[in-house]
Amino acid sequence: MDNYPIYELLKHYGIAPFISLDSRTKAKFNYPHPDILCFDDHGHPICHGGIPMVNWGFVEPKGVKYRCWFATKGLEPPKECKCSDSNYGNVVYIKPDFDPRMFPKVPRDSEAFAVFKGQVY
């Protein structure tokens, strides 16, 4: 069931939710975050250079980790998009507690979620 009480119950028992969003849901990703511009329609942060960041898994207790797209590909970002001097690139953490329904530990567009739901990835 795609509702907040279910997410809270699963969190209480330490269970990662694999719940698809209700088809009637209009996802709202308009949360302010200082290190990004906004979120795209899939809940991925958009860096200050306007590029969607890449999900890099879940890190306890920090949350869902996102990295610079260019850094994950081993590429040098363009000058106007240089968010970090590190080769590892800019990193942003989004805590599922921020909104457990919109930002689950296992992203809905990940291979793990697709495998669990029996979808071909």
PDB file of N, CA and C in Angstrom:
ATOM      1  N   MET A   1       0.848  -1.182   0.000  1.00  0.00           N
ATOM      2  CA  MET A   1       0.000   0.000   0.000  1.00  0.00           C
ATOM      3  C   MET A   1       0.887   1.237   0.000  1.00  0.00           C
ATOM      4  N   ASP A   2       0.629   2.131  -0.903  1.00  0.00           N
ATOM      5  CA  ASP A   2       1.402   3.363  -1.032  1.00  0.00           C
ATOM      6  C   ASP A   2       0.790   4.439  -0.142  1.00  0.00           C
ATOM      7  N   ASN A   3       1.149   4.409   1.148  1.00  0.00           N
ATOM      8  CA  ASN A   3       0.694   5.470   2.059  1.00  0.00           C
ATOM      9  C   ASN A   3       1.716   5.635   3.180  1.00  0.00           C
ATOM     10  N   TYR A   4       1.739   6.810   3.773  1.00  0.00           N
ATOM     11  CA  TYR A   4       2.755   7.126   4.770  1.00  0.00           C
ATOM     12  C   TYR A   4       2.729   6.207   5.995  1.00  0.00           C
ATOM     13  N   PRO A   5       1.575   5.814   6.533  1.00  0.00           N
ATOM     14  CA  PRO A   5       1.603   4.917   7.693  1.00  0.00           C
ATOM     15  C   PRO A   5       2.320   3.588   7.427  1.00  0.00           C
ATOM     16  N   ILE A   6       2.194   3.056   6.217  1.00  0.00           N
ATOM     17  CA  ILE A   6       2.894   1.808   5.878  1.00  0.00           C
ATOM     18  C   ILE A   6       4.400   2.033   5.887  1.00  0.00           C
ATOM     19  N   TYR A   7       4.856   3.156   5.324  1.00  0.00           N
ATOM     20  CA  TYR A   7       6.286   3.464   5.320  1.00  0.00           C
ATOM     21  C   TYR A   7       6.810   3.606   6.750  1.00  0.00           C
ATOM     22  N   GLU A   8       6.043   4.237   7.615  1.00  0.00           N
ATOM     23  CA  GLU A   8       6.444   4.402   9.015  1.00  0.00           C
ATOM     24  C   GLU A   8       6.505   3.050   9.726  1.00  0.00           C
ATOM     25  N   LEU A   9       5.549   2.172   9.459  1.00  0.00           N
ATOM     26  CA  LEU A   9       5.533   0.839  10.062  1.00  0.00           C
ATOM     27  C   LEU A   9       6.758   0.034   9.614  1.00  0.00           C
ATOM     28  N   LEU A  10       7.046   0.053   8.321  1.00  0.00           N
ATOM     29  CA  LEU A  10       8.213  -0.658   7.805  1.00  0.00           C
ATOM     30  C   LEU A  10       9.504  -0.107   8.397  1.00  0.00           C
ATOM     31  N   LYS A  11       9.587   1.201   8.535  1.00  0.00           N
ATOM     32  CA  LYS A  11      10.761   1.826   9.148  1.00  0.00           C
ATOM     33  C   LYS A  11      10.917   1.356  10.592  1.00  0.00           C
ATOM     34  N   HIS A  12       9.824   1.296  11.323  1.00  0.00           N
ATOM     35  CA  HIS A  12       9.843   0.858  12.717  1.00  0.00           C
ATOM     36  C   HIS A  12      10.450  -0.541  12.845  1.00  0.00           C
ATOM     37  N   TYR A  13      10.155  -1.431  11.894  1.00  0.00           N
ATOM     38  CA  TYR A  13      10.662  -2.797  11.932  1.00  0.00           C
ATOM     39  C   TYR A  13      11.960  -2.981  11.139  1.00  0.00           C
ATOM     40  N   GLY A  14      12.523  -1.883  10.621  1.00  0.00           N
ATOM     41  CA  GLY A  14      13.783  -1.960   9.894  1.00  0.00           C
ATOM     42  C   GLY A  14      13.696  -2.648   8.552  1.00  0.00           C
ATOM     43  N   ILE A  15      12.551  -2.519   7.889  1.00  0.00           N
ATOM     44  CA  ILE A  15      12.324  -3.162   6.596  1.00  0.00           C
ATOM     45  C   ILE A  15      12.374  -2.116   5.487  1.00  0.00           C
ATOM     46  N   ALA A  16      13.158  -2.398   4.447  1.00  0.00           N
ATOM     47  CA  ALA A  16      13.226  -1.487   3.301  1.00  0.00           C
ATOM     48  C   ALA A  16      11.976  -1.678   2.444  1.00  0.00           C
ATOM     49  N   PRO A  17      11.244  -0.581   2.161  1.00  0.00           N
ATOM     50  CA  PRO A  17      10.025  -0.720   1.360  1.00  0.00           C
ATOM     51  C   PRO A  17      10.317  -0.888  -0.133  1.00  0.00           C
ATOM     52  N   PHE A  18       9.571  -1.800  -0.756  1.00  0.00           N
ATOM     53  CA  PHE A  18       9.574  -1.956  -2.208  1.00  0.00           C
ATOM     54  C   PHE A  18       8.132  -1.730  -2.652  1.00  0.00           C
ATOM     55  N   ILE A  19       7.718  -0.476  -2.612  1.00  0.00           N
ATOM     56  CA  ILE A  19       6.330  -0.121  -2.890  1.00  0.00           C
ATOM     57  C   ILE A  19       6.295   0.830  -4.083  1.00  0.00           C
ATOM     58  N   SER A  20       5.584   0.451  -5.127  1.00  0.00           N
ATOM     59  CA  SER A  20       5.415   1.349  -6.276  1.00  0.00           C
ATOM     60  C   SER A  20       4.498   2.495  -5.876  1.00  0.00           C
ATOM     61  N   LEU A  21       4.745   3.656  -6.459  1.00  0.00           N
ATOM     62  CA  LEU A  21       3.845   4.781  -6.212  1.00  0.00           C
ATOM     63  C   LEU A  21       2.490   4.482  -6.834  1.00  0.00           C
ATOM     64  N   ASP A  22       1.451   4.880  -6.159  1.00  0.00           N
ATOM     65  CA  ASP A  22       0.099   4.741  -6.687  1.00  0.00           C
ATOM     66  C   ASP A  22       0.050   5.468  -8.030  1.00  0.00           C
ATOM     67  N   SER A  23      -0.572   4.858  -9.017  1.00  0.00           N
ATOM     68  CA  SER A  23      -0.614   5.443 -10.366  1.00  0.00           C
ATOM     69  C   SER A  23      -1.297   6.803 -10.398  1.00  0.00           C
ATOM     70  N   ARG A  24      -2.128   7.098  -9.402  1.00  0.00           N
ATOM     71  CA  ARG A  24      -2.813   8.399  -9.355  1.00  0.00           C
ATOM     72  C   ARG A  24      -1.999   9.474  -8.654  1.00  0.00           C
ATOM     73  N   THR A  25      -0.835   9.084  -8.117  1.00  0.00           N
ATOM     74  CA  THR A  25       0.002  10.023  -7.376  1.00  0.00           C
ATOM     75  C   THR A  25       0.633  11.039  -8.308  1.00  0.00           C
ATOM     76  N   LYS A  26       0.571  12.260  -7.900  1.00  0.00           N
ATOM     77  CA  LYS A  26       1.312  13.318  -8.578  1.00  0.00           C
ATOM     78  C   LYS A  26       2.512  13.610  -7.689  1.00  0.00           C
ATOM     79  N   ALA A  27       3.669  13.051  -8.070  1.00  0.00           N
ATOM     80  CA  ALA A  27       4.870  13.179  -7.244  1.00  0.00           C
ATOM     81  C   ALA A  27       5.248  14.641  -7.068  1.00  0.00           C
ATOM     82  N   LYS A  28       5.588  14.975  -5.834  1.00  0.00           N
ATOM     83  CA  LYS A  28       5.991  16.344  -5.513  1.00  0.00           C
ATOM     84  C   LYS A  28       7.431  16.312  -5.017  1.00  0.00           C
ATOM     85  N   PHE A  29       8.326  16.832  -5.816  1.00  0.00           N
ATOM     86  CA  PHE A  29       9.733  16.880  -5.461  1.00  0.00           C
ATOM     87  C   PHE A  29      10.178  18.332  -5.355  1.00  0.00           C
ATOM     88  N   ASN A  30       9.445  19.134  -4.624  1.00  0.00           N
ATOM     89  CA  ASN A  30       9.768  20.559  -4.526  1.00  0.00           C
ATOM     90  C   ASN A  30      10.382  20.900  -3.168  1.00  0.00           C
ATOM     91  N   TYR A  31      11.198  19.974  -2.643  1.00  0.00           N
ATOM     92  CA  TYR A  31      11.841  20.191  -1.356  1.00  0.00           C
ATOM     93  C   TYR A  31      13.087  21.041  -1.531  1.00  0.00           C
ATOM     94  N   PRO A  32      13.297  22.028  -0.677  1.00  0.00           N
ATOM     95  CA  PRO A  32      14.520  22.837  -0.792  1.00  0.00           C
ATOM     96  C   PRO A  32      15.729  22.063  -0.258  1.00  0.00           C
ATOM     97  N   HIS A  33      16.856  22.179  -0.930  1.00  0.00           N
ATOM     98  CA  HIS A  33      18.098  21.557  -0.487  1.00  0.00           C
ATOM     99  C   HIS A  33      19.223  22.497  -0.902  1.00  0.00           C
ATOM    100  N   PRO A  34      20.135  22.853   0.011  1.00  0.00           N
ATOM    101  CA  PRO A  34      21.149  23.873  -0.303  1.00  0.00           C
ATOM    102  C   PRO A  34      22.164  23.481  -1.370  1.00  0.00           C
ATOM    103  N   ASP A  35      22.420  22.192  -1.572  1.00  0.00           N
ATOM    104  CA  ASP A  35      23.472  21.762  -2.490  1.00  0.00           C
ATOM    105  C   ASP A  35      22.984  21.453  -3.898  1.00  0.00           C
ATOM    106  N   ILE A  36      21.703  21.644  -4.168  1.00  0.00           N
ATOM    107  CA  ILE A  36      21.159  21.333  -5.492  1.00  0.00           C
ATOM    108  C   ILE A  36      20.192  22.431  -5.938  1.00  0.00           C
ATOM    109  N   LEU A  37      19.848  22.403  -7.223  1.00  0.00           N
ATOM    110  CA  LEU A  37      18.851  23.342  -7.742  1.00  0.00           C
ATOM    111  C   LEU A  37      17.439  22.876  -7.415  1.00  0.00           C
ATOM    112  N   CYS A  38      17.183  21.583  -7.719  1.00  0.00           N
ATOM    113  CA  CYS A  38      15.852  21.015  -7.545  1.00  0.00           C
ATOM    114  C   CYS A  38      15.949  19.506  -7.751  1.00  0.00           C
ATOM    115  N   PHE A  39      14.813  18.840  -7.862  1.00  0.00           N
ATOM    116  CA  PHE A  39      14.756  17.411  -8.161  1.00  0.00           C
ATOM    117  C   PHE A  39      14.054  17.224  -9.504  1.00  0.00           C
ATOM    118  N   ASP A  40      14.458  16.166 -10.242  1.00  0.00           N
ATOM    119  CA  ASP A  40      13.742  15.869 -11.485  1.00  0.00           C
ATOM    120  C   ASP A  40      12.490  15.052 -11.166  1.00  0.00           C
ATOM    121  N   ASP A  41      11.761  14.628 -12.187  1.00  0.00           N
ATOM    122  CA  ASP A  41      10.508  13.894 -11.987  1.00  0.00           C
ATOM    123  C   ASP A  41      10.689  12.527 -11.341  1.00  0.00           C
ATOM    124  N   HIS A  42      11.921  12.020 -11.314  1.00  0.00           N
ATOM    125  CA  HIS A  42      12.204  10.723 -10.698  1.00  0.00           C
ATOM    126  C   HIS A  42      12.764  10.877  -9.287  1.00  0.00           C
ATOM    127  N   GLY A  43      12.903  12.108  -8.813  1.00  0.00           N
ATOM    128  CA  GLY A  43      13.429  12.346  -7.479  1.00  0.00           C
ATOM    129  C   GLY A  43      14.935  12.459  -7.416  1.00  0.00           C
ATOM    130  N   HIS A  44      15.610  12.494  -8.580  1.00  0.00           N
ATOM    131  CA  HIS A  44      17.062  12.661  -8.587  1.00  0.00           C
ATOM    132  C   HIS A  44      17.394  14.139  -8.429  1.00  0.00           C
ATOM    133  N   PRO A  45      18.373  14.464  -7.594  1.00  0.00           N
ATOM    134  CA  PRO A  45      18.783  15.858  -7.460  1.00  0.00           C
ATOM    135  C   PRO A  45      19.402  16.380  -8.760  1.00  0.00           C
ATOM    136  N   ILE A  46      19.177  17.640  -9.029  1.00  0.00           N
ATOM    137  CA  ILE A  46      19.790  18.327 -10.173  1.00  0.00           C
ATOM    138  C   ILE A  46      20.870  19.238  -9.602  1.00  0.00           C
ATOM    139  N   CYS A  47      22.126  19.056 -10.052  1.00  0.00           N
ATOM    140  CA  CYS A  47      23.227  19.866  -9.523  1.00  0.00           C
ATOM    141  C   CYS A  47      23.091  21.311 -10.013  1.00  0.00           C
ATOM    142  N   HIS A  48      23.937  22.175  -9.470  1.00  0.00           N
ATOM    143  CA  HIS A  48      23.882  23.591  -9.839  1.00  0.00           C
ATOM    144  C   HIS A  48      24.253  23.826 -11.301  1.00  0.00           C
ATOM    145  N   GLY A  49      24.855  22.822 -11.951  1.00  0.00           N
ATOM    146  CA  GLY A  49      25.150  22.918 -13.375  1.00  0.00           C
ATOM    147  C   GLY A  49      23.990  22.471 -14.251  1.00  0.00           C
ATOM    148  N   GLY A  50      22.881  22.016 -13.627  1.00  0.00           N
ATOM    149  CA  GLY A  50      21.698  21.611 -14.375  1.00  0.00           C
ATOM    150  C   GLY A  50      21.693  20.154 -14.817  1.00  0.00           C
ATOM    151  N   ILE A  51      22.591  19.330 -14.276  1.00  0.00           N
ATOM    152  CA  ILE A  51      22.713  17.923 -14.669  1.00  0.00           C
ATOM    153  C   ILE A  51      22.153  17.031 -13.562  1.00  0.00           C
ATOM    154  N   PRO A  52      21.302  16.031 -13.911  1.00  0.00           N
ATOM    155  CA  PRO A  52      20.813  15.097 -12.885  1.00  0.00           C
ATOM    156  C   PRO A  52      21.969  14.299 -12.288  1.00  0.00           C
ATOM    157  N   MET A  53      21.966  14.153 -10.972  1.00  0.00           N
ATOM    158  CA  MET A  53      23.004  13.393 -10.284  1.00  0.00           C
ATOM    159  C   MET A  53      22.664  11.898 -10.331  1.00  0.00           C
ATOM    160  N   VAL A  54      23.670  11.056 -10.112  1.00  0.00           N
ATOM    161  CA  VAL A  54      23.541   9.605 -10.219  1.00  0.00           C
ATOM    162  C   VAL A  54      23.385   8.997  -8.827  1.00  0.00           C
ATOM    163  N   ASN A  55      22.401   8.122  -8.688  1.00  0.00           N
ATOM    164  CA  ASN A  55      22.200   7.427  -7.416  1.00  0.00           C
ATOM    165  C   ASN A  55      23.377   6.493  -7.191  1.00  0.00           C
ATOM    166  N   TRP A  56      23.986   6.594  -6.006  1.00  0.00           N
ATOM    167  CA  TRP A  56      25.163   5.805  -5.697  1.00  0.00           C
ATOM    168  C   TRP A  56      24.922   4.909  -4.478  1.00  0.00           C
ATOM    169  N   GLY A  57      23.647   4.558  -4.270  1.00  0.00           N
ATOM    170  CA  GLY A  57      23.308   3.630  -3.198  1.00  0.00           C
ATOM    171  C   GLY A  57      22.910   4.303  -1.900  1.00  0.00           C
ATOM    172  N   PHE A  58      22.718   3.492  -0.885  1.00  0.00           N
ATOM    173  CA  PHE A  58      22.289   3.977   0.423  1.00  0.00           C
ATOM    174  C   PHE A  58      23.437   3.846   1.405  1.00  0.00           C
ATOM    175  N   VAL A  59      23.717   4.921   2.138  1.00  0.00           N
ATOM    176  CA  VAL A  59      24.776   4.934   3.135  1.00  0.00           C
ATOM    177  C   VAL A  59      24.147   5.219   4.496  1.00  0.00           C
ATOM    178  N   GLU A  60      24.242   4.237   5.385  1.00  0.00           N
ATOM    179  CA  GLU A  60      23.688   4.386   6.730  1.00  0.00           C
ATOM    180  C   GLU A  60      24.644   5.220   7.563  1.00  0.00           C
ATOM    181  N   PRO A  61      24.303   6.212   8.286  1.00  0.00           N
ATOM    182  CA  PRO A  61      22.981   6.766   8.525  1.00  0.00           C
ATOM    183  C   PRO A  61      22.690   7.998   7.674  1.00  0.00           C
ATOM    184  N   LYS A  62      23.570   8.284   6.695  1.00  0.00           N
ATOM    185  CA  LYS A  62      23.441   9.533   5.941  1.00  0.00           C
ATOM    186  C   LYS A  62      22.257   9.567   4.992  1.00  0.00           C
ATOM    187  N   GLY A  63      21.927   8.456   4.341  1.00  0.00           N
ATOM    188  CA  GLY A  63      20.798   8.421   3.425  1.00  0.00           C
ATOM    189  C   GLY A  63      21.192   7.966   2.033  1.00  0.00           C
ATOM    190  N   VAL A  64      20.370   8.328   1.066  1.00  0.00           N
ATOM    191  CA  VAL A  64      20.615   7.957  -0.325  1.00  0.00           C
ATOM    192  C   VAL A  64      21.699   8.879  -0.868  1.00  0.00           C
ATOM    193  N   LYS A  65      22.745   8.274  -1.418  1.00  0.00           N
ATOM    194  CA  LYS A  65      23.905   9.026  -1.897  1.00  0.00           C
ATOM    195  C   LYS A  65      23.782   9.282  -3.390  1.00  0.00           C
ATOM    196  N   TYR A  66      23.999  10.522  -3.787  1.00  0.00           N
ATOM    197  CA  TYR A  66      24.006  10.901  -5.196  1.00  0.00           C
ATOM    198  C   TYR A  66      25.348  11.547  -5.517  1.00  0.00           C
ATOM    199  N   ARG A  67      25.879  11.206  -6.693  1.00  0.00           N
ATOM    200  CA  ARG A  67      27.167  11.757  -7.130  1.00  0.00           C
ATOM    201  C   ARG A  67      27.015  12.495  -8.448  1.00  0.00           C
ATOM    202  N   CYS A  68      28.011  13.327  -8.725  1.00  0.00           N
ATOM    203  CA  CYS A  68      28.094  14.065  -9.986  1.00  0.00           C
ATOM    204  C   CYS A  68      28.116  13.074 -11.152  1.00  0.00           C
ATOM    205  N   TRP A  69      27.311  13.329 -12.169  1.00  0.00           N
ATOM    206  CA  TRP A  69      27.229  12.455 -13.335  1.00  0.00           C
ATOM    207  C   TRP A  69      28.593  12.325 -14.014  1.00  0.00           C
ATOM    208  N   PHE A  70      29.303  13.436 -14.180  1.00  0.00           N
ATOM    209  CA  PHE A  70      30.592  13.418 -14.874  1.00  0.00           C
ATOM    210  C   PHE A  70      31.610  12.581 -14.099  1.00  0.00           C
ATOM    211  N   ALA A  71      31.650  12.732 -12.779  1.00  0.00           N
ATOM    212  CA  ALA A  71      32.602  11.984 -11.958  1.00  0.00           C
ATOM    213  C   ALA A  71      32.336  10.486 -12.025  1.00  0.00           C
ATOM    214  N   THR A  72      31.069  10.080 -12.064  1.00  0.00           N
ATOM    215  CA  THR A  72      30.763   8.639 -12.127  1.00  0.00           C
ATOM    216  C   THR A  72      31.193   8.031 -13.457  1.00  0.00           C
ATOM    217  N   LYS A  73      31.308   8.857 -14.480  1.00  0.00           N
ATOM    218  CA  LYS A  73      31.742   8.385 -15.809  1.00  0.00           C
ATOM    219  C   LYS A  73      33.242   8.574 -16.017  1.00  0.00           C
ATOM    220  N   GLY A  74      33.934   9.162 -15.016  1.00  0.00           N
ATOM    221  CA  GLY A  74      35.368   9.414 -15.136  1.00  0.00           C
ATOM    222  C   GLY A  74      35.699  10.556 -16.079  1.00  0.00           C
ATOM    223  N   LEU A  75      34.752  11.461 -16.277  1.00  0.00           N
ATOM    224  CA  LEU A  75      34.936  12.586 -17.189  1.00  0.00           C
ATOM    225  C   LEU A  75      35.165  13.879 -16.417  1.00  0.00           C
ATOM    226  N   GLU A  76      35.839  14.802 -17.048  1.00  0.00           N
ATOM    227  CA  GLU A  76      36.046  16.130 -16.470  1.00  0.00           C
ATOM    228  C   GLU A  76      34.794  16.966 -16.750  1.00  0.00           C
ATOM    229  N   PRO A  77      34.169  17.532 -15.710  1.00  0.00           N
ATOM    230  CA  PRO A  77      32.970  18.343 -15.966  1.00  0.00           C
ATOM    231  C   PRO A  77      33.322  19.649 -16.677  1.00  0.00           C
ATOM    232  N   PRO A  78      32.400  20.195 -17.458  1.00  0.00           N
ATOM    233  CA  PRO A  78      32.649  21.490 -18.090  1.00  0.00           C
ATOM    234  C   PRO A  78      32.850  22.560 -17.017  1.00  0.00           C
ATOM    235  N   LYS A  79      33.540  23.645 -17.375  1.00  0.00           N
ATOM    236  CA  LYS A  79      33.844  24.716 -16.404  1.00  0.00           C
ATOM    237  C   LYS A  79      32.604  25.240 -15.697  1.00  0.00           C
ATOM    238  N   GLU A  80      31.526  25.448 -16.444  1.00  0.00           N
ATOM    239  CA  GLU A  80      30.311  26.013 -15.859  1.00  0.00           C
ATOM    240  C   GLU A  80      29.579  25.027 -14.935  1.00  0.00           C
ATOM    241  N   CYS A  81      30.002  23.781 -14.956  1.00  0.00           N
ATOM    242  CA  CYS A  81      29.341  22.759 -14.147  1.00  0.00           C
ATOM    243  C   CYS A  81      30.260  22.234 -13.047  1.00  0.00           C
ATOM    244  N   LYS A  82      31.394  22.823 -12.839  1.00  0.00           N
ATOM    245  CA  LYS A  82      32.367  22.324 -11.861  1.00  0.00           C
ATOM    246  C   LYS A  82      31.869  22.592 -10.446  1.00  0.00           C
ATOM    247  N   CYS A  83      31.265  21.589  -9.820  1.00  0.00           N
ATOM    248  CA  CYS A  83      30.716  21.720  -8.470  1.00  0.00           C
ATOM    249  C   CYS A  83      31.739  21.371  -7.398  1.00  0.00           C
ATOM    250  N   SER A  84      32.773  20.627  -7.763  1.00  0.00           N
ATOM    251  CA  SER A  84      33.741  20.151  -6.783  1.00  0.00           C
ATOM    252  C   SER A  84      35.100  20.014  -7.444  1.00  0.00           C
ATOM    253  N   ASP A  85      36.161  20.263  -6.681  1.00  0.00           N
ATOM    254  CA  ASP A  85      37.520  20.088  -7.192  1.00  0.00           C
ATOM    255  C   ASP A  85      37.990  18.638  -7.065  1.00  0.00           C
ATOM    256  N   SER A  86      37.234  17.827  -6.365  1.00  0.00           N
ATOM    257  CA  SER A  86      37.589  16.431  -6.140  1.00  0.00           C
ATOM    258  C   SER A  86      37.321  15.592  -7.384  1.00  0.00           C
ATOM    259  N   ASN A  87      38.179  14.579  -7.629  1.00  0.00           N
ATOM    260  CA  ASN A  87      37.939  13.634  -8.725  1.00  0.00           C
ATOM    261  C   ASN A  87      36.690  12.807  -8.467  1.00  0.00           C
ATOM    262  N   TYR A  88      36.314  12.647  -7.192  1.00  0.00           N
ATOM    263  CA  TYR A  88      35.131  11.882  -6.824  1.00  0.00           C
ATOM    264  C   TYR A  88      33.857  12.649  -7.163  1.00  0.00           C
ATOM    265  N   GLY A  89      33.984  13.962  -7.326  1.00  0.00           N
ATOM    266  CA  GLY A  89      32.846  14.791  -7.701  1.00  0.00           C
ATOM    267  C   GLY A  89      31.983  15.206  -6.522  1.00  0.00           C
ATOM    268  N   ASN A  90      31.005  16.034  -6.807  1.00  0.00           N
ATOM    269  CA  ASN A  90      30.080  16.516  -5.790  1.00  0.00           C
ATOM    270  C   ASN A  90      29.213  15.364  -5.292  1.00  0.00           C
ATOM    271  N   VAL A  91      28.965  15.330  -3.976  1.00  0.00           N
ATOM    272  CA  VAL A  91      28.145  14.289  -3.364  1.00  0.00           C
ATOM    273  C   VAL A  91      27.038  14.956  -2.558  1.00  0.00           C
ATOM    274  N   VAL A  92      25.820  14.431  -2.704  1.00  0.00           N
ATOM    275  CA  VAL A  92      24.657  14.911  -1.952  1.00  0.00           C
ATOM    276  C   VAL A  92      23.976  13.706  -1.333  1.00  0.00           C
ATOM    277  N   TYR A  93      23.563  13.848  -0.079  1.00  0.00           N
ATOM    278  CA  TYR A  93      22.808  12.790   0.604  1.00  0.00           C
ATOM    279  C   TYR A  93      21.379  13.270   0.827  1.00  0.00           C
ATOM    280  N   ILE A  94      20.421  12.414   0.505  1.00  0.00           N
ATOM    281  CA  ILE A  94      19.010  12.701   0.756  1.00  0.00           C
ATOM    282  C   ILE A  94      18.520  11.658   1.750  1.00  0.00           C
ATOM    283  N   LYS A  95      18.101  12.110   2.918  1.00  0.00           N
ATOM    284  CA  LYS A  95      17.624  11.182   3.942  1.00  0.00           C
ATOM    285  C   LYS A  95      16.210  10.717   3.621  1.00  0.00           C
ATOM    286  N   PRO A  96      15.960   9.415   3.696  1.00  0.00           N
ATOM    287  CA  PRO A  96      14.597   8.929   3.487  1.00  0.00           C
ATOM    288  C   PRO A  96      13.619   9.528   4.504  1.00  0.00           C
ATOM    289  N   ASP A  97      14.116   9.893   5.686  1.00  0.00           N
ATOM    290  CA  ASP A  97      13.239  10.507   6.685  1.00  0.00           C
ATOM    291  C   ASP A  97      12.666  11.831   6.187  1.00  0.00           C
ATOM    292  N   PHE A  98      13.365  12.449   5.230  1.00  0.00           N
ATOM    293  CA  PHE A  98      12.911  13.702   4.643  1.00  0.00           C
ATOM    294  C   PHE A  98      11.507  13.525   4.079  1.00  0.00           C
ATOM    295  N   ASP A  99      11.302  12.444   3.362  1.00  0.00           N
ATOM    296  CA  ASP A  99       9.989  12.023   2.867  1.00  0.00           C
ATOM    297  C   ASP A  99      10.135  10.557   2.455  1.00  0.00           C
ATOM    298  N   PRO A 100       9.823   9.611   3.361  1.00  0.00           N
ATOM    299  CA  PRO A 100      10.084   8.201   3.083  1.00  0.00           C
ATOM    300  C   PRO A 100       9.325   7.647   1.876  1.00  0.00           C
ATOM    301  N   ARG A 101       8.256   8.278   1.518  1.00  0.00           N
ATOM    302  CA  ARG A 101       7.469   7.803   0.381  1.00  0.00           C
ATOM    303  C   ARG A 101       8.106   8.216  -0.944  1.00  0.00           C
ATOM    304  N   MET A 102       8.621   9.411  -1.009  1.00  0.00           N
ATOM    305  CA  MET A 102       9.218   9.909  -2.252  1.00  0.00           C
ATOM    306  C   MET A 102      10.685   9.520  -2.401  1.00  0.00           C
ATOM    307  N   PHE A 103      11.377   9.294  -1.274  1.00  0.00           N
ATOM    308  CA  PHE A 103      12.807   8.978  -1.301  1.00  0.00           C
ATOM    309  C   PHE A 103      13.080   7.682  -0.535  1.00  0.00           C
ATOM    310  N   PRO A 104      12.619   6.524  -1.045  1.00  0.00           N
ATOM    311  CA  PRO A 104      12.869   5.264  -0.343  1.00  0.00           C
ATOM    312  C   PRO A 104      14.351   4.870  -0.418  1.00  0.00           C
ATOM    313  N   LYS A 105      14.757   3.961   0.473  1.00  0.00           N
ATOM    314  CA  LYS A 105      16.155   3.506   0.480  1.00  0.00           C
ATOM    315  C   LYS A 105      16.554   2.901  -0.862  1.00  0.00           C
ATOM    316  N   VAL A 106      15.667   2.132  -1.454  1.00  0.00           N
ATOM    317  CA  VAL A 106      15.928   1.522  -2.762  1.00  0.00           C
ATOM    318  C   VAL A 106      15.136   2.325  -3.799  1.00  0.00           C
ATOM    319  N   PRO A 107      15.823   3.084  -4.672  1.00  0.00           N
ATOM    320  CA  PRO A 107      15.120   3.916  -5.646  1.00  0.00           C
ATOM    321  C   PRO A 107      14.237   3.092  -6.587  1.00  0.00           C
ATOM    322  N   ARG A 108      13.115   3.637  -6.928  1.00  0.00           N
ATOM    323  CA  ARG A 108      12.161   2.930  -7.788  1.00  0.00           C
ATOM    324  C   ARG A 108      12.668   2.711  -9.201  1.00  0.00           C
ATOM    325  N   ASP A 109      13.622   3.507  -9.643  1.00  0.00           N
ATOM    326  CA  ASP A 109      14.144   3.323 -10.998  1.00  0.00           C
ATOM    327  C   ASP A 109      15.451   2.528 -11.001  1.00  0.00           C
ATOM    328  N   SER A 110      15.740   1.819  -9.891  1.00  0.00           N
ATOM    329  CA  SER A 110      16.974   1.038  -9.804  1.00  0.00           C
ATOM    330  C   SER A 110      16.757  -0.390 -10.295  1.00  0.00           C
ATOM    331  N   GLU A 111      17.859  -1.068 -10.585  1.00  0.00           N
ATOM    332  CA  GLU A 111      17.803  -2.461 -11.019  1.00  0.00           C
ATOM    333  C   GLU A 111      17.261  -3.346  -9.886  1.00  0.00           C
ATOM    334  N   ALA A 112      17.670  -3.069  -8.641  1.00  0.00           N
ATOM    335  CA  ALA A 112      17.208  -3.867  -7.501  1.00  0.00           C
ATOM    336  C   ALA A 112      15.690  -3.797  -7.358  1.00  0.00           C
ATOM    337  N   PHE A 113      15.123  -2.622  -7.552  1.00  0.00           N
ATOM    338  CA  PHE A 113      13.673  -2.468  -7.436  1.00  0.00           C
ATOM    339  C   PHE A 113      12.975  -3.220  -8.567  1.00  0.00           C
ATOM    340  N   ALA A 114      13.512  -3.129  -9.766  1.00  0.00           N
ATOM    341  CA  ALA A 114      12.916  -3.815 -10.920  1.00  0.00           C
ATOM    342  C   ALA A 114      12.960  -5.333 -10.740  1.00  0.00           C
ATOM    343  N   VAL A 115      14.082  -5.850 -10.220  1.00  0.00           N
ATOM    344  CA  VAL A 115      14.211  -7.288  -9.997  1.00  0.00           C
ATOM    345  C   VAL A 115      13.217  -7.745  -8.944  1.00  0.00           C
ATOM    346  N   PHE A 116      13.089  -6.982  -7.863  1.00  0.00           N
ATOM    347  CA  PHE A 116      12.163  -7.339  -6.802  1.00  0.00           C
ATOM    348  C   PHE A 116      10.724  -7.369  -7.304  1.00  0.00           C
ATOM    349  N   LYS A 117      10.366  -6.430  -8.148  1.00  0.00           N
ATOM    350  CA  LYS A 117       9.010  -6.356  -8.685  1.00  0.00           C
ATOM    351  C   LYS A 117       8.793  -7.335  -9.840  1.00  0.00           C
ATOM    352  N   GLY A 118       9.827  -8.093 -10.228  1.00  0.00           N
ATOM    353  CA  GLY A 118       9.680  -9.082 -11.295  1.00  0.00           C
ATOM    354  C   GLY A 118       9.685  -8.477 -12.682  1.00  0.00           C
ATOM    355  N   GLN A 119      10.252  -7.288 -12.792  1.00  0.00           N
ATOM    356  CA  GLN A 119      10.311  -6.630 -14.088  1.00  0.00           C
ATOM    357  C   GLN A 119      11.664  -6.932 -14.746  1.00  0.00           C
ATOM    358  N   VAL A 120      11.696  -6.926 -16.045  1.00  0.00           N
ATOM    359  CA  VAL A 120      12.950  -7.086 -16.763  1.00  0.00           C
ATOM    360  C   VAL A 120      13.638  -5.736 -16.753  1.00  0.00           C
ATOM    361  N   TYR A 121      14.901  -5.717 -16.409  1.00  0.00           N
ATOM    362  CA  TYR A 121      15.638  -4.443 -16.345  1.00  0.00           C
ATOM    363  C   TYR A 121      16.487  -4.246 -17.551  1.00  0.00           C
TER     364      TYR A 121
END
